[in-house]
Amino acid sequence: MKYGYARVSSSGQNLESQIKALTEAGSEEIYKEKLSGRNKENREQFNKLLETVSEGDTIVVTKLDRFARSTQDALSTIETLNNKGVGLIVLNMGGDKVDTNTPIGKLMITVLSGIAEFEADMIKERQLEGIELAKQRGAYKGRPKKYTDKNKSLQHALELFHDRENNGMTVKEICQITKVSKATLYRNVREGATS
């Protein structure tokens, strides 16, 4: 049996084009997800698919990055599939269709997944370089602070914290009442924020 697997990284993205391509490729059942592929354990439908397939079945994906996020991930999953006697077809691998049921398909998937990982690493490296350059120009400030010294919840938390001798409250209680996290409270205490 041919199983399709379609995935987009966020709920705002659309699965329609992947589903259409998988259906045209003969997928009889399609597993779908809308979440990041970074952590394979979180991909519930993908893991269910891996448990479902058995010898003679084939998994069809539109692109390798829908299936795996790294060379190691791709190769280990493909090895798992090979051990079960399950094939993998990638419909668009640099413009070509790749089928791991063939020796040339196995070679191509190994080489191309390495290239895909290298490309992703290069994008991340360029992004970090861009952030560093923006910081040097003063154009990148990072995420704005949620709790400034004018925030009433933080001020209340600091007052309660500094008055623990009189009020007998624990840090946990203070955080529950004010909805300020322990980390934020302790960071502001360390920084010497005034109450």
Protein backbone atom coordinates (compact mmCIF):
# COMPACT_ATOMS: atom_id res chain seq x y z
CA MET A 1 0.00 0.00 0.00
CA LYS A 2 1.15 3.55 -0.70
CA TYR A 3 0.93 5.98 2.21
CA GLY A 4 1.41 9.72 1.79
CA TYR A 5 2.86 12.03 4.42
CA ALA A 6 2.21 15.79 4.24
CA ARG A 7 3.57 18.31 6.72
CA VAL A 8 3.81 22.08 7.02
CA SER A 9 5.68 23.89 9.78
CA SER A 10 2.84 26.01 11.14
CA SER A 11 -0.93 25.98 11.41
CA GLY A 12 -1.16 29.02 9.11
CA GLN A 13 0.35 27.13 6.19
CA ASN A 14 -1.63 25.08 3.68
CA LEU A 15 -1.34 21.33 3.00
CA GLU A 16 -3.44 21.32 -0.19
CA SER A 17 -0.63 21.29 -2.78
CA GLN A 18 1.18 18.45 -0.96
CA ILE A 19 -2.02 16.42 -0.64
CA LYS A 20 -2.77 16.92 -4.36
CA ALA A 21 0.74 15.75 -5.36
CA LEU A 22 0.59 12.75 -3.01
CA THR A 23 -2.84 11.74 -4.34
CA GLU A 24 -1.63 12.05 -7.95
CA ALA A 25 1.35 9.82 -7.02
CA GLY A 26 -1.09 7.08 -5.97
CA SER A 27 -1.15 7.51 -2.19
CA GLU A 28 -4.14 5.61 -0.85
CA GLU A 29 -4.00 7.06 2.65
CA ILE A 30 -2.39 10.36 3.67
CA TYR A 31 -1.12 11.30 7.11
CA LYS A 32 -1.10 15.08 7.72
CA GLU A 33 0.53 17.39 10.27
CA LYS A 34 0.87 21.11 10.89
CA LEU A 35 3.89 21.49 13.15
CA SER A 36 7.64 21.95 13.05
CA GLY A 37 9.63 18.89 12.07
CA ARG A 38 12.55 19.72 14.36
CA ASN A 39 11.59 17.15 16.98
CA LYS A 40 10.59 13.79 15.53
CA GLU A 41 9.04 12.68 18.84
CA ASN A 42 6.44 15.47 18.58
CA ARG A 43 5.35 14.40 15.10
CA GLU A 44 2.43 12.24 16.21
CA GLN A 45 1.05 11.45 12.73
CA PHE A 46 4.52 10.67 11.36
CA ASN A 47 5.21 8.24 14.21
CA LYS A 48 1.78 6.66 13.71
CA LEU A 49 2.62 6.21 10.01
CA LEU A 50 5.94 4.53 10.87
CA GLU A 51 4.07 2.11 13.15
CA THR A 52 1.40 1.42 10.49
CA VAL A 53 3.60 0.55 7.50
CA SER A 54 4.71 -3.01 6.92
CA GLU A 55 6.72 -5.00 4.38
CA GLY A 56 5.87 -4.11 0.79
CA ASP A 57 4.39 -0.70 1.67
CA THR A 58 5.75 2.60 0.39
CA ILE A 59 5.75 6.07 1.97
CA VAL A 60 5.46 8.99 -0.45
CA VAL A 61 6.51 12.56 0.45
CA THR A 62 6.68 15.66 -1.73
CA LYS A 63 10.12 16.78 -0.50
CA LEU A 64 12.75 15.33 1.81
CA ASP A 65 12.47 18.23 4.29
CA ARG A 66 8.82 17.22 4.93
CA PHE A 67 10.14 13.81 6.00
CA ALA A 68 13.35 14.59 7.91
CA ARG A 69 15.19 17.63 9.29
CA SER A 70 18.76 16.34 9.09
CA THR A 71 20.88 13.84 7.20
CA GLN A 72 21.18 11.69 10.29
CA ASP A 73 17.41 11.79 10.85
CA ALA A 74 16.72 10.92 7.19
CA LEU A 75 19.24 8.09 7.09
CA SER A 76 18.16 6.53 10.38
CA THR A 77 14.47 6.68 9.39
CA ILE A 78 15.23 5.25 5.95
CA GLU A 79 17.24 2.45 7.60
CA THR A 80 14.24 1.72 9.86
CA LEU A 81 12.01 1.59 6.76
CA ASN A 82 14.50 -0.63 4.89
CA ASN A 83 14.59 -3.06 7.82
CA LYS A 84 10.79 -3.26 7.67
CA GLY A 85 10.84 -3.74 3.89
CA VAL A 86 9.18 -0.35 3.33
CA GLY A 87 10.19 1.96 0.48
CA LEU A 88 10.31 5.76 0.37
CA ILE A 89 9.51 7.91 -2.65
CA VAL A 90 10.44 11.60 -2.64
CA LEU A 91 8.53 13.28 -5.46
CA ASN A 92 10.72 16.39 -5.78
CA MET A 93 14.37 15.86 -4.97
CA GLY A 94 16.11 18.61 -6.91
CA GLY A 95 13.53 18.24 -9.68
CA ASP A 96 13.76 14.43 -9.81
CA LYS A 97 11.76 11.65 -8.21
CA VAL A 98 13.81 9.45 -5.87
CA ASP A 99 12.78 5.92 -4.89
CA THR A 100 14.73 4.16 -2.12
CA ASN A 101 13.56 0.81 -3.45
CA THR A 102 16.33 1.17 -6.04
CA PRO A 103 20.14 1.21 -5.38
CA ILE A 104 20.56 4.56 -7.18
CA GLY A 105 17.65 5.97 -5.16
CA LYS A 106 19.36 4.96 -1.90
CA LEU A 107 22.60 6.65 -3.01
CA MET A 108 20.84 9.82 -4.16
CA ILE A 109 18.84 10.18 -0.94
CA THR A 110 22.03 9.91 1.13
CA VAL A 111 23.89 12.53 -0.91
CA LEU A 112 20.98 14.92 -1.29
CA SER A 113 19.93 14.78 2.37
CA GLY A 114 23.51 15.75 3.24
CA ILE A 115 23.28 18.72 0.88
CA ALA A 116 19.90 19.74 2.33
CA GLU A 117 21.32 19.71 5.87
CA PHE A 118 24.36 21.70 4.76
CA GLU A 119 22.08 24.29 3.15
CA ALA A 120 19.96 24.59 6.32
CA ASP A 121 23.13 25.06 8.41
CA MET A 122 24.36 27.77 6.04
CA ILE A 123 21.04 29.64 6.29
CA LYS A 124 21.22 29.50 10.09
CA GLU A 125 24.83 30.70 10.05
CA ARG A 126 23.96 33.64 7.77
CA GLN A 127 21.02 34.52 10.03
CA LEU A 128 23.27 34.60 13.11
CA GLU A 129 25.82 36.72 11.23
CA GLY A 130 23.04 39.13 10.23
CA ILE A 131 21.87 39.42 13.84
CA GLU A 132 25.44 40.09 15.00
CA LEU A 133 25.89 42.83 12.37
CA ALA A 134 22.53 44.37 13.33
CA LYS A 135 23.60 44.36 17.01
CA GLN A 136 26.84 46.15 16.09
CA ARG A 137 24.83 48.82 14.24
CA GLY A 138 22.46 49.10 17.19
CA ALA A 139 19.54 47.98 15.04
CA TYR A 140 18.90 44.70 16.87
CA LYS A 141 17.78 44.84 20.45
CA GLY A 142 16.43 41.30 20.87
CA ARG A 143 13.07 40.51 22.38
CA PRO A 144 11.64 43.44 24.35
CA LYS A 145 11.41 42.97 28.10
CA LYS A 146 7.95 41.92 29.24
CA TYR A 147 8.49 43.23 32.75
CA THR A 148 9.95 46.71 33.00
CA ASP A 149 10.46 48.58 36.27
CA LYS A 150 7.04 50.21 35.69
CA ASN A 151 5.17 46.87 35.57
CA LYS A 152 2.70 46.71 38.47
CA SER A 153 2.83 42.90 38.81
CA LEU A 154 6.61 42.95 39.04
CA GLN A 155 6.55 45.84 41.51
CA HIS A 156 4.04 43.99 43.68
CA ALA A 157 6.16 40.81 43.50
CA LEU A 158 9.29 42.74 44.52
CA GLU A 159 7.48 44.41 47.42
CA LEU A 160 6.22 41.05 48.69
CA PHE A 161 9.66 39.49 48.16
CA HIS A 162 11.47 42.18 50.17
CA ASP A 163 8.82 42.01 52.92
CA ARG A 164 8.92 38.19 53.33
CA GLU A 165 10.15 38.56 56.92
CA ASN A 166 6.87 40.28 57.85
CA ASN A 167 4.41 38.59 55.47
CA GLY A 168 5.84 35.05 55.84
CA MET A 169 5.25 34.32 52.14
CA THR A 170 7.33 31.92 50.06
CA VAL A 171 8.68 32.86 46.65
CA LYS A 172 6.32 30.29 45.12
CA GLU A 173 3.31 31.97 46.75
CA ILE A 174 4.47 35.40 45.62
CA CYS A 175 4.82 34.16 42.05
CA GLN A 176 1.37 32.55 42.10
CA ILE A 177 -0.28 35.73 43.39
CA THR A 178 1.51 38.15 41.05
CA LYS A 179 1.79 35.85 37.99
CA VAL A 180 5.50 36.72 37.74
CA SER A 181 7.84 33.76 37.15
CA LYS A 182 10.51 32.83 39.69
CA ALA A 183 13.21 33.48 37.08
CA THR A 184 11.92 37.00 36.40
CA LEU A 185 11.58 37.77 40.11
CA TYR A 186 15.07 36.52 40.98
CA ARG A 187 16.61 38.28 37.96
CA ASN A 188 15.10 41.60 39.02
CA VAL A 189 16.18 41.07 42.64
CA ARG A 190 19.73 40.37 41.41
CA GLU A 191 19.68 43.44 39.18
CA GLY A 192 18.71 45.50 42.18
CA ALA A 193 15.32 46.61 40.88
CA THR A 194 13.69 48.94 43.32
CA SER A 195 10.36 48.12 44.85
